[in-house]
Amino acid sequence: MFDLKKGILDFAAGIAITLLAISVMLLVTLDLRWITLIISLLILLYTYITPSREFNIILTIFLVCLPIAIFFTIWILPEIPKLWISIPVFISAAFVGRIAGKYKNLALTIPLYVLFSFFIVPSLVESDLSEFVNENPPNIELLSLDTGQNIQAENFRGKVLVLDFFGTWCKPCLNEMKELKKVRDSFKSDSKIEFLMVCTEFGNDTPEKAMEFMKKHDMDFKTYFDFGNASHKSLGFTGVPALLIIDSSGMIRFKHEGYNPSESLDKNLNEIIRSLTE
């Protein structure tokens, strides 16, 4: 027999876990390692401490996980489709929590979700956001905000060129730029590598806003502006941050769209750039 009060409690728990995850993402961190771990452990804990009749286990799992699955489908999966596997993992957490509650043993199950969050999630994020290619670039023309002159990617032939498209309103863009600054500094003595920060017109950005943003955050990169998002669109990007690396022969070798601190972007970029300069 269906217990209406228990059903409402289960669904409310799912909503509460979802709202907590959203709050963490908005106020604390976007790191999907922690988001998946927090959700998994909260589901595990709730189903562990909440009694349920045997024939209501499936319904409990469904009601708890439904709001979380909807949240992931709307917010996370459009950018990182491979994280669909997190939904079965959350369902398993509900089932395991219920079984652990029956046998009064929860501790042995926690390491499984830690392993998933910190070893599987980063690789899924990295593979969805990154793309290794070997293709000719379209015409990339940008306005230098340092000199006021128009430049083309062709002007940097013979160098490894790192282009990062950003928006001044975009927090992930700033976080990515901070990582790029570390990467740039590790190659500072190599004149054959150029880092260009390119502000787009998304969010009604202007050259003035771009320069103010760079000054405010102490970003001493060469800064450019992409009027009409022309270059950004021609490269097939749809949002920001968006990054690409062009080798010394003028071929695009790497694309990266989106940002999440769960991946080791600075380490990966260091390895890619070093491989292109050897």
C-alpha atoms as a PDB file:
ATOM      1  CA  MET A   1       0.000   0.000   0.000  1.00  0.00           C
ATOM      2  CA  PHE A   2       1.312   3.433  -0.955  1.00  0.00           C
ATOM      3  CA  ASP A   3       2.147   5.666   2.024  1.00  0.00           C
ATOM      4  CA  LEU A   4       1.302   9.202   0.866  1.00  0.00           C
ATOM      5  CA  LYS A   5       3.123  10.949   3.714  1.00  0.00           C
ATOM      6  CA  LYS A   6       6.267   8.894   3.106  1.00  0.00           C
ATOM      7  CA  GLY A   7       6.038   9.608  -0.627  1.00  0.00           C
ATOM      8  CA  ILE A   8       5.812  13.350  -0.017  1.00  0.00           C
ATOM      9  CA  LEU A   9       8.744  13.147   2.409  1.00  0.00           C
ATOM     10  CA  ASP A  10      10.871  11.266  -0.143  1.00  0.00           C
ATOM     11  CA  PHE A  11      10.111  13.752  -2.923  1.00  0.00           C
ATOM     12  CA  ALA A  12      10.748  16.710  -0.589  1.00  0.00           C
ATOM     13  CA  ALA A  13      14.094  15.160   0.353  1.00  0.00           C
ATOM     14  CA  GLY A  14      15.024  14.944  -3.328  1.00  0.00           C
ATOM     15  CA  ILE A  15      14.100  18.606  -3.819  1.00  0.00           C
ATOM     16  CA  ALA A  16      16.084  19.619  -0.708  1.00  0.00           C
ATOM     17  CA  ILE A  17      19.187  17.752  -1.925  1.00  0.00           C
ATOM     18  CA  THR A  18      18.820  19.372  -5.353  1.00  0.00           C
ATOM     19  CA  LEU A  19      18.480  22.876  -3.879  1.00  0.00           C
ATOM     20  CA  LEU A  20      21.518  22.297  -1.678  1.00  0.00           C
ATOM     21  CA  ALA A  21      23.567  21.197  -4.715  1.00  0.00           C
ATOM     22  CA  ILE A  22      22.474  24.302  -6.649  1.00  0.00           C
ATOM     23  CA  SER A  23      23.352  26.515  -3.658  1.00  0.00           C
ATOM     24  CA  VAL A  24      26.830  24.972  -3.448  1.00  0.00           C
ATOM     25  CA  MET A  25      27.341  25.597  -7.171  1.00  0.00           C
ATOM     26  CA  LEU A  26      26.189  29.217  -6.930  1.00  0.00           C
ATOM     27  CA  LEU A  27      27.874  30.163  -3.659  1.00  0.00           C
ATOM     28  CA  VAL A  28      30.829  27.840  -3.077  1.00  0.00           C
ATOM     29  CA  THR A  29      32.185  25.907  -6.054  1.00  0.00           C
ATOM     30  CA  LEU A  30      31.284  24.669  -9.536  1.00  0.00           C
ATOM     31  CA  ASP A  31      33.583  21.687  -9.062  1.00  0.00           C
ATOM     32  CA  LEU A  32      31.553  18.692 -10.216  1.00  0.00           C
ATOM     33  CA  ARG A  33      33.656  16.316  -8.143  1.00  0.00           C
ATOM     34  CA  TRP A  34      32.230  17.840  -4.992  1.00  0.00           C
ATOM     35  CA  ILE A  35      28.734  18.281  -6.426  1.00  0.00           C
ATOM     36  CA  THR A  36      28.397  14.595  -7.353  1.00  0.00           C
ATOM     37  CA  LEU A  37      29.911  13.508  -4.038  1.00  0.00           C
ATOM     38  CA  ILE A  38      27.617  15.735  -1.972  1.00  0.00           C
ATOM     39  CA  ILE A  39      24.521  14.516  -3.830  1.00  0.00           C
ATOM     40  CA  SER A  40      25.563  10.862  -3.564  1.00  0.00           C
ATOM     41  CA  LEU A  41      26.296  11.055   0.168  1.00  0.00           C
ATOM     42  CA  LEU A  42      23.102  12.946   0.974  1.00  0.00           C
ATOM     43  CA  ILE A  43      21.002  10.383  -0.913  1.00  0.00           C
ATOM     44  CA  LEU A  44      22.928   7.600   0.827  1.00  0.00           C
ATOM     45  CA  LEU A  45      22.384   9.173   4.244  1.00  0.00           C
ATOM     46  CA  TYR A  46      18.688   9.902   3.702  1.00  0.00           C
ATOM     47  CA  THR A  47      17.794   6.396   2.550  1.00  0.00           C
ATOM     48  CA  TYR A  48      19.964   4.942   5.329  1.00  0.00           C
ATOM     49  CA  ILE A  49      18.185   6.736   8.172  1.00  0.00           C
ATOM     50  CA  THR A  50      14.663   6.708   6.714  1.00  0.00           C
ATOM     51  CA  PRO A  51      12.654   3.503   7.212  1.00  0.00           C
ATOM     52  CA  SER A  52      10.801   2.113   4.219  1.00  0.00           C
ATOM     53  CA  ARG A  53       8.668  -0.956   3.683  1.00  0.00           C
ATOM     54  CA  GLU A  54      10.194  -3.510   1.345  1.00  0.00           C
ATOM     55  CA  PHE A  55       7.638  -3.019  -1.426  1.00  0.00           C
ATOM     56  CA  ASN A  56       8.127   0.761  -1.303  1.00  0.00           C
ATOM     57  CA  ILE A  57      11.887   0.719  -1.905  1.00  0.00           C
ATOM     58  CA  ILE A  58      11.607   1.289  -5.672  1.00  0.00           C
ATOM     59  CA  LEU A  59       9.121   4.122  -5.178  1.00  0.00           C
ATOM     60  CA  THR A  60      11.364   5.743  -2.557  1.00  0.00           C
ATOM     61  CA  ILE A  61      14.339   5.602  -4.923  1.00  0.00           C
ATOM     62  CA  PHE A  62      12.255   7.081  -7.747  1.00  0.00           C
ATOM     63  CA  LEU A  63      10.837   9.963  -5.674  1.00  0.00           C
ATOM     64  CA  VAL A  64      14.184  10.901  -4.085  1.00  0.00           C
ATOM     65  CA  CYS A  65      16.137  10.788  -7.340  1.00  0.00           C
ATOM     66  CA  LEU A  66      13.577  12.373  -9.673  1.00  0.00           C
ATOM     67  CA  PRO A  67      14.280  16.063  -8.770  1.00  0.00           C
ATOM     68  CA  ILE A  68      18.025  15.393  -8.900  1.00  0.00           C
ATOM     69  CA  ALA A  69      17.772  13.723 -12.315  1.00  0.00           C
ATOM     70  CA  ILE A  70      15.733  16.665 -13.640  1.00  0.00           C
ATOM     71  CA  PHE A  71      18.322  19.123 -12.290  1.00  0.00           C
ATOM     72  CA  PHE A  72      21.179  17.220 -13.946  1.00  0.00           C
ATOM     73  CA  THR A  73      19.300  16.879 -17.228  1.00  0.00           C
ATOM     74  CA  ILE A  74      18.550  20.609 -17.442  1.00  0.00           C
ATOM     75  CA  TRP A  75      21.688  22.147 -15.939  1.00  0.00           C
ATOM     76  CA  ILE A  76      24.631  19.748 -16.271  1.00  0.00           C
ATOM     77  CA  LEU A  77      24.108  17.353 -19.177  1.00  0.00           C
ATOM     78  CA  PRO A  78      23.729  19.952 -21.979  1.00  0.00           C
ATOM     79  CA  GLU A  79      27.374  20.939 -21.412  1.00  0.00           C
ATOM     80  CA  ILE A  80      28.762  17.619 -20.181  1.00  0.00           C
ATOM     81  CA  PRO A  81      26.619  14.817 -21.687  1.00  0.00           C
ATOM     82  CA  LYS A  82      28.854  12.004 -20.450  1.00  0.00           C
ATOM     83  CA  LEU A  83      27.867  12.785 -16.879  1.00  0.00           C
ATOM     84  CA  TRP A  84      24.561  11.004 -17.576  1.00  0.00           C
ATOM     85  CA  ILE A  85      26.234   8.142 -15.750  1.00  0.00           C
ATOM     86  CA  SER A  86      25.890  10.146 -12.528  1.00  0.00           C
ATOM     87  CA  ILE A  87      22.124   9.543 -12.533  1.00  0.00           C
ATOM     88  CA  PRO A  88      22.457   5.720 -12.264  1.00  0.00           C
ATOM     89  CA  VAL A  89      25.110   6.333  -9.598  1.00  0.00           C
ATOM     90  CA  PHE A  90      22.648   8.465  -7.586  1.00  0.00           C
ATOM     91  CA  ILE A  91      20.008   5.757  -7.971  1.00  0.00           C
ATOM     92  CA  SER A  92      22.504   3.189  -6.713  1.00  0.00           C
ATOM     93  CA  ALA A  93      23.236   5.428  -3.707  1.00  0.00           C
ATOM     94  CA  ALA A  94      19.541   5.373  -2.794  1.00  0.00           C
ATOM     95  CA  PHE A  95      19.412   1.584  -3.120  1.00  0.00           C
ATOM     96  CA  VAL A  96      22.706   1.015  -1.262  1.00  0.00           C
ATOM     97  CA  GLY A  97      21.631   3.385   1.531  1.00  0.00           C
ATOM     98  CA  ARG A  98      18.431   1.407   1.995  1.00  0.00           C
ATOM     99  CA  ILE A  99      20.300  -1.923   2.089  1.00  0.00           C
ATOM    100  CA  ALA A 100      22.965  -0.490   4.426  1.00  0.00           C
ATOM    101  CA  GLY A 101      20.195   0.772   6.708  1.00  0.00           C
ATOM    102  CA  LYS A 102      18.800  -2.731   6.925  1.00  0.00           C
ATOM    103  CA  TYR A 103      22.160  -4.170   7.942  1.00  0.00           C
ATOM    104  CA  LYS A 104      23.360  -1.107   9.916  1.00  0.00           C
ATOM    105  CA  ASN A 105      26.582  -0.729   7.943  1.00  0.00           C
ATOM    106  CA  LEU A 106      27.120   2.443   5.912  1.00  0.00           C
ATOM    107  CA  ALA A 107      30.873   3.102   6.200  1.00  0.00           C
ATOM    108  CA  LEU A 108      31.950   0.498   3.654  1.00  0.00           C
ATOM    109  CA  THR A 109      29.873   2.083   0.891  1.00  0.00           C
ATOM    110  CA  ILE A 110      31.161   5.677   1.135  1.00  0.00           C
ATOM    111  CA  PRO A 111      34.589   5.065  -0.532  1.00  0.00           C
ATOM    112  CA  LEU A 112      32.798   3.857  -3.688  1.00  0.00           C
ATOM    113  CA  TYR A 113      31.206   7.261  -4.212  1.00  0.00           C
ATOM    114  CA  VAL A 114      34.410   9.092  -3.343  1.00  0.00           C
ATOM    115  CA  LEU A 115      36.204   7.062  -6.024  1.00  0.00           C
ATOM    116  CA  PHE A 116      33.521   7.833  -8.592  1.00  0.00           C
ATOM    117  CA  SER A 117      33.485  11.568  -7.827  1.00  0.00           C
ATOM    118  CA  PHE A 118      37.240  12.133  -7.736  1.00  0.00           C
ATOM    119  CA  PHE A 119      38.505   9.636 -10.293  1.00  0.00           C
ATOM    120  CA  ILE A 120      35.726   9.078 -12.843  1.00  0.00           C
ATOM    121  CA  VAL A 121      34.008  12.487 -12.964  1.00  0.00           C
ATOM    122  CA  PRO A 122      37.181  14.496 -13.884  1.00  0.00           C
ATOM    123  CA  SER A 123      37.904  12.270 -16.878  1.00  0.00           C
ATOM    124  CA  LEU A 124      34.298  12.535 -18.101  1.00  0.00           C
ATOM    125  CA  VAL A 125      34.340  16.327 -17.785  1.00  0.00           C
ATOM    126  CA  GLU A 126      37.679  16.597 -19.562  1.00  0.00           C
ATOM    127  CA  SER A 127      36.626  14.385 -22.476  1.00  0.00           C
ATOM    128  CA  ASP A 128      33.393  16.341 -23.025  1.00  0.00           C
ATOM    129  CA  LEU A 129      34.933  19.824 -22.866  1.00  0.00           C
ATOM    130  CA  SER A 130      38.104  19.068 -24.828  1.00  0.00           C
ATOM    131  CA  GLU A 131      38.696  18.148 -28.454  1.00  0.00           C
ATOM    132  CA  PHE A 132      41.987  17.317 -30.157  1.00  0.00           C
ATOM    133  CA  VAL A 133      41.869  18.279 -33.823  1.00  0.00           C
ATOM    134  CA  ASN A 134      44.126  18.971 -36.788  1.00  0.00           C
ATOM    135  CA  GLU A 135      42.290  21.456 -38.966  1.00  0.00           C
ATOM    136  CA  ASN A 136      42.811  24.670 -40.852  1.00  0.00           C
ATOM    137  CA  PRO A 137      41.487  27.717 -38.994  1.00  0.00           C
ATOM    138  CA  PRO A 138      38.940  30.080 -40.513  1.00  0.00           C
ATOM    139  CA  ASN A 139      39.830  33.728 -40.920  1.00  0.00           C
ATOM    140  CA  ILE A 140      40.371  34.997 -37.373  1.00  0.00           C
ATOM    141  CA  GLU A 141      40.438  38.799 -37.216  1.00  0.00           C
ATOM    142  CA  LEU A 142      40.487  40.679 -33.919  1.00  0.00           C
ATOM    143  CA  LEU A 143      40.959  44.208 -32.609  1.00  0.00           C
ATOM    144  CA  SER A 144      43.948  44.678 -30.324  1.00  0.00           C
ATOM    145  CA  LEU A 145      42.875  46.704 -27.296  1.00  0.00           C
ATOM    146  CA  ASP A 146      46.506  47.448 -26.548  1.00  0.00           C
ATOM    147  CA  THR A 147      47.449  48.968 -29.924  1.00  0.00           C
ATOM    148  CA  GLY A 148      44.068  49.681 -31.532  1.00  0.00           C
ATOM    149  CA  GLN A 149      45.063  47.718 -34.636  1.00  0.00           C
ATOM    150  CA  ASN A 150      43.312  44.785 -36.281  1.00  0.00           C
ATOM    151  CA  ILE A 151      45.267  41.544 -36.279  1.00  0.00           C
ATOM    152  CA  GLN A 152      44.813  38.119 -37.812  1.00  0.00           C
ATOM    153  CA  ALA A 153      45.873  34.735 -36.480  1.00  0.00           C
ATOM    154  CA  GLU A 154      48.116  34.536 -39.531  1.00  0.00           C
ATOM    155  CA  ASN A 155      50.248  37.287 -37.978  1.00  0.00           C
ATOM    156  CA  PHE A 156      51.451  34.746 -35.411  1.00  0.00           C
ATOM    157  CA  ARG A 157      52.555  32.079 -37.890  1.00  0.00           C
ATOM    158  CA  GLY A 158      55.697  30.412 -36.532  1.00  0.00           C
ATOM    159  CA  LYS A 159      54.447  30.590 -32.943  1.00  0.00           C
ATOM    160  CA  VAL A 160      52.171  28.438 -30.818  1.00  0.00           C
ATOM    161  CA  LEU A 161      49.074  30.572 -30.297  1.00  0.00           C
ATOM    162  CA  VAL A 162      46.671  30.184 -27.363  1.00  0.00           C
ATOM    163  CA  LEU A 163      43.390  32.070 -27.843  1.00  0.00           C
ATOM    164  CA  ASP A 164      40.879  32.326 -25.023  1.00  0.00           C
ATOM    165  CA  PHE A 165      37.421  33.824 -25.665  1.00  0.00           C
ATOM    166  CA  PHE A 166      35.783  35.269 -22.551  1.00  0.00           C
ATOM    167  CA  GLY A 167      33.076  37.525 -21.166  1.00  0.00           C
ATOM    168  CA  THR A 168      33.556  40.062 -18.387  1.00  0.00           C
ATOM    169  CA  TRP A 169      30.361  38.847 -16.671  1.00  0.00           C
ATOM    170  CA  CYS A 170      31.378  35.182 -16.776  1.00  0.00           C
ATOM    171  CA  LYS A 171      32.782  33.741 -13.518  1.00  0.00           C
ATOM    172  CA  PRO A 172      34.031  30.503 -15.151  1.00  0.00           C
ATOM    173  CA  CYS A 173      35.882  32.697 -17.682  1.00  0.00           C
ATOM    174  CA  LEU A 174      37.759  34.412 -14.863  1.00  0.00           C
ATOM    175  CA  ASN A 175      38.574  31.087 -13.214  1.00  0.00           C
ATOM    176  CA  GLU A 176      39.884  29.710 -16.509  1.00  0.00           C
ATOM    177  CA  MET A 177      41.926  32.859 -17.084  1.00  0.00           C
ATOM    178  CA  LYS A 178      43.579  32.433 -13.685  1.00  0.00           C
ATOM    179  CA  GLU A 179      44.674  28.946 -14.722  1.00  0.00           C
ATOM    180  CA  LEU A 180      45.905  30.300 -18.053  1.00  0.00           C
ATOM    181  CA  LYS A 181      47.981  32.869 -16.210  1.00  0.00           C
ATOM    182  CA  LYS A 182      49.817  30.059 -14.413  1.00  0.00           C
ATOM    183  CA  VAL A 183      50.362  28.256 -17.707  1.00  0.00           C
ATOM    184  CA  ARG A 184      51.566  31.456 -19.400  1.00  0.00           C
ATOM    185  CA  ASP A 185      54.007  32.148 -16.574  1.00  0.00           C
ATOM    186  CA  SER A 186      55.516  28.667 -16.906  1.00  0.00           C
ATOM    187  CA  PHE A 187      56.376  29.481 -20.550  1.00  0.00           C
ATOM    188  CA  LYS A 188      57.260  33.132 -20.006  1.00  0.00           C
ATOM    189  CA  SER A 189      60.813  32.739 -21.253  1.00  0.00           C
ATOM    190  CA  ASP A 190      59.674  31.170 -24.542  1.00  0.00           C
ATOM    191  CA  SER A 191      59.045  33.855 -27.162  1.00  0.00           C
ATOM    192  CA  LYS A 192      57.555  31.261 -29.518  1.00  0.00           C
ATOM    193  CA  ILE A 193      54.338  31.012 -27.469  1.00  0.00           C
ATOM    194  CA  GLU A 194      51.631  33.707 -27.430  1.00  0.00           C
ATOM    195  CA  PHE A 195      48.576  33.957 -25.174  1.00  0.00           C
ATOM    196  CA  LEU A 196      45.740  36.195 -26.395  1.00  0.00           C
ATOM    197  CA  MET A 197      42.616  36.942 -24.340  1.00  0.00           C
ATOM    198  CA  VAL A 198      39.664  37.730 -26.612  1.00  0.00           C
ATOM    199  CA  CYS A 199      36.568  39.459 -25.244  1.00  0.00           C
ATOM    200  CA  THR A 200      33.338  38.623 -27.056  1.00  0.00           C
ATOM    201  CA  GLU A 201      30.184  40.737 -27.376  1.00  0.00           C
ATOM    202  CA  PHE A 202      28.134  38.279 -25.327  1.00  0.00           C
ATOM    203  CA  GLY A 203      26.408  40.018 -22.405  1.00  0.00           C
ATOM    204  CA  ASN A 204      26.731  43.389 -24.177  1.00  0.00           C
ATOM    205  CA  ASP A 205      30.462  43.484 -23.528  1.00  0.00           C
ATOM    206  CA  THR A 206      32.495  46.331 -25.025  1.00  0.00           C
ATOM    207  CA  PRO A 207      36.224  47.032 -25.459  1.00  0.00           C
ATOM    208  CA  GLU A 208      35.998  49.434 -22.511  1.00  0.00           C
ATOM    209  CA  LYS A 209      34.466  46.787 -20.262  1.00  0.00           C
ATOM    210  CA  ALA A 210      37.123  44.312 -21.362  1.00  0.00           C
ATOM    211  CA  MET A 211      40.007  46.595 -20.434  1.00  0.00           C
ATOM    212  CA  GLU A 212      38.398  47.467 -17.105  1.00  0.00           C
ATOM    213  CA  PHE A 213      37.921  43.761 -16.370  1.00  0.00           C
ATOM    214  CA  MET A 214      41.556  42.916 -17.149  1.00  0.00           C
ATOM    215  CA  LYS A 215      42.813  45.769 -14.986  1.00  0.00           C
ATOM    216  CA  LYS A 216      40.487  44.932 -12.084  1.00  0.00           C
ATOM    217  CA  HIS A 217      41.627  41.306 -11.957  1.00  0.00           C
ATOM    218  CA  ASP A 218      45.299  42.037 -12.645  1.00  0.00           C
ATOM    219  CA  MET A 219      45.363  40.047 -15.874  1.00  0.00           C
ATOM    220  CA  ASP A 220      48.399  41.264 -17.811  1.00  0.00           C
ATOM    221  CA  PHE A 221      47.572  39.416 -21.034  1.00  0.00           C
ATOM    222  CA  LYS A 222      47.442  40.878 -24.508  1.00  0.00           C
ATOM    223  CA  THR A 223      43.752  41.632 -24.912  1.00  0.00           C
ATOM    224  CA  TYR A 224      41.609  41.637 -28.055  1.00  0.00           C
ATOM    225  CA  PHE A 225      37.989  42.186 -29.001  1.00  0.00           C
ATOM    226  CA  ASP A 226      35.854  40.083 -31.319  1.00  0.00           C
ATOM    227  CA  PHE A 227      33.226  42.386 -32.851  1.00  0.00           C
ATOM    228  CA  GLY A 228      29.978  40.600 -33.606  1.00  0.00           C
ATOM    229  CA  ASN A 229      31.535  37.419 -32.186  1.00  0.00           C
ATOM    230  CA  ALA A 230      32.619  36.790 -35.788  1.00  0.00           C
ATOM    231  CA  SER A 231      35.752  34.764 -35.050  1.00  0.00           C
ATOM    232  CA  HIS A 232      34.107  32.958 -32.148  1.00  0.00           C
ATOM    233  CA  LYS A 233      31.238  31.798 -34.382  1.00  0.00           C
ATOM    234  CA  SER A 234      33.494  30.854 -37.291  1.00  0.00           C
ATOM    235  CA  LEU A 235      35.373  28.488 -34.980  1.00  0.00           C
ATOM    236  CA  GLY A 236      32.150  26.670 -34.130  1.00  0.00           C
ATOM    237  CA  PHE A 237      31.973  27.824 -30.525  1.00  0.00           C
ATOM    238  CA  THR A 238      28.619  28.578 -28.913  1.00  0.00           C
ATOM    239  CA  GLY A 239      29.553  30.023 -25.515  1.00  0.00           C
ATOM    240  CA  VAL A 240      32.333  31.176 -23.219  1.00  0.00           C
ATOM    241  CA  PRO A 241      34.906  30.414 -22.038  1.00  0.00           C
ATOM    242  CA  ALA A 242      36.187  28.916 -25.255  1.00  0.00           C
ATOM    243  CA  LEU A 243      39.832  28.177 -25.913  1.00  0.00           C
ATOM    244  CA  LEU A 244      41.893  26.940 -28.832  1.00  0.00           C
ATOM    245  CA  ILE A 245      45.545  26.266 -29.530  1.00  0.00           C
ATOM    246  CA  ILE A 246      47.065  26.845 -32.976  1.00  0.00           C
ATOM    247  CA  ASP A 247      50.454  25.317 -33.715  1.00  0.00           C
ATOM    248  CA  SER A 248      53.388  27.065 -35.351  1.00  0.00           C
ATOM    249  CA  SER A 249      52.312  25.898 -38.824  1.00  0.00           C
ATOM    250  CA  GLY A 250      48.919  27.568 -38.404  1.00  0.00           C
ATOM    251  CA  MET A 251      46.815  24.448 -37.731  1.00  0.00           C
ATOM    252  CA  ILE A 252      44.247  24.253 -34.929  1.00  0.00           C
ATOM    253  CA  ARG A 253      45.319  21.410 -32.662  1.00  0.00           C
ATOM    254  CA  PHE A 254      43.115  21.744 -29.585  1.00  0.00           C
ATOM    255  CA  LYS A 255      39.685  23.147 -28.691  1.00  0.00           C
ATOM    256  CA  HIS A 256      38.130  23.514 -25.275  1.00  0.00           C
ATOM    257  CA  GLU A 257      34.681  24.983 -24.591  1.00  0.00           C
ATOM    258  CA  GLY A 258      33.322  25.476 -21.087  1.00  0.00           C
ATOM    259  CA  TYR A 259      35.121  25.271 -17.780  1.00  0.00           C
ATOM    260  CA  ASN A 260      34.936  23.192 -14.635  1.00  0.00           C
ATOM    261  CA  PRO A 261      37.556  23.057 -11.875  1.00  0.00           C
ATOM    262  CA  SER A 262      37.178  19.272 -11.649  1.00  0.00           C
ATOM    263  CA  GLU A 263      39.471  18.863 -14.679  1.00  0.00           C
ATOM    264  CA  SER A 264      43.212  19.557 -14.555  1.00  0.00           C
ATOM    265  CA  LEU A 265      43.151  22.226 -17.254  1.00  0.00           C
ATOM    266  CA  ASP A 266      46.456  23.904 -16.404  1.00  0.00           C
ATOM    267  CA  LYS A 267      48.293  20.567 -16.339  1.00  0.00           C
ATOM    268  CA  ASN A 268      46.730  19.465 -19.627  1.00  0.00           C
ATOM    269  CA  LEU A 269      47.519  22.759 -21.363  1.00  0.00           C
ATOM    270  CA  ASN A 270      51.106  22.615 -20.164  1.00  0.00           C
ATOM    271  CA  GLU A 271      51.504  19.165 -21.684  1.00  0.00           C
ATOM    272  CA  ILE A 272      49.844  20.133 -24.977  1.00  0.00           C
ATOM    273  CA  ILE A 273      51.868  23.324 -25.437  1.00  0.00           C
ATOM    274  CA  ARG A 274      55.099  21.565 -24.506  1.00  0.00           C
ATOM    275  CA  SER A 275      54.410  18.835 -27.078  1.00  0.00           C
ATOM    276  CA  LEU A 276      53.885  21.481 -29.770  1.00  0.00           C
ATOM    277  CA  THR A 277      57.141  23.270 -29.020  1.00  0.00           C
ATOM    278  CA  GLU A 278      59.420  20.241 -28.942  1.00  0.00           C
END
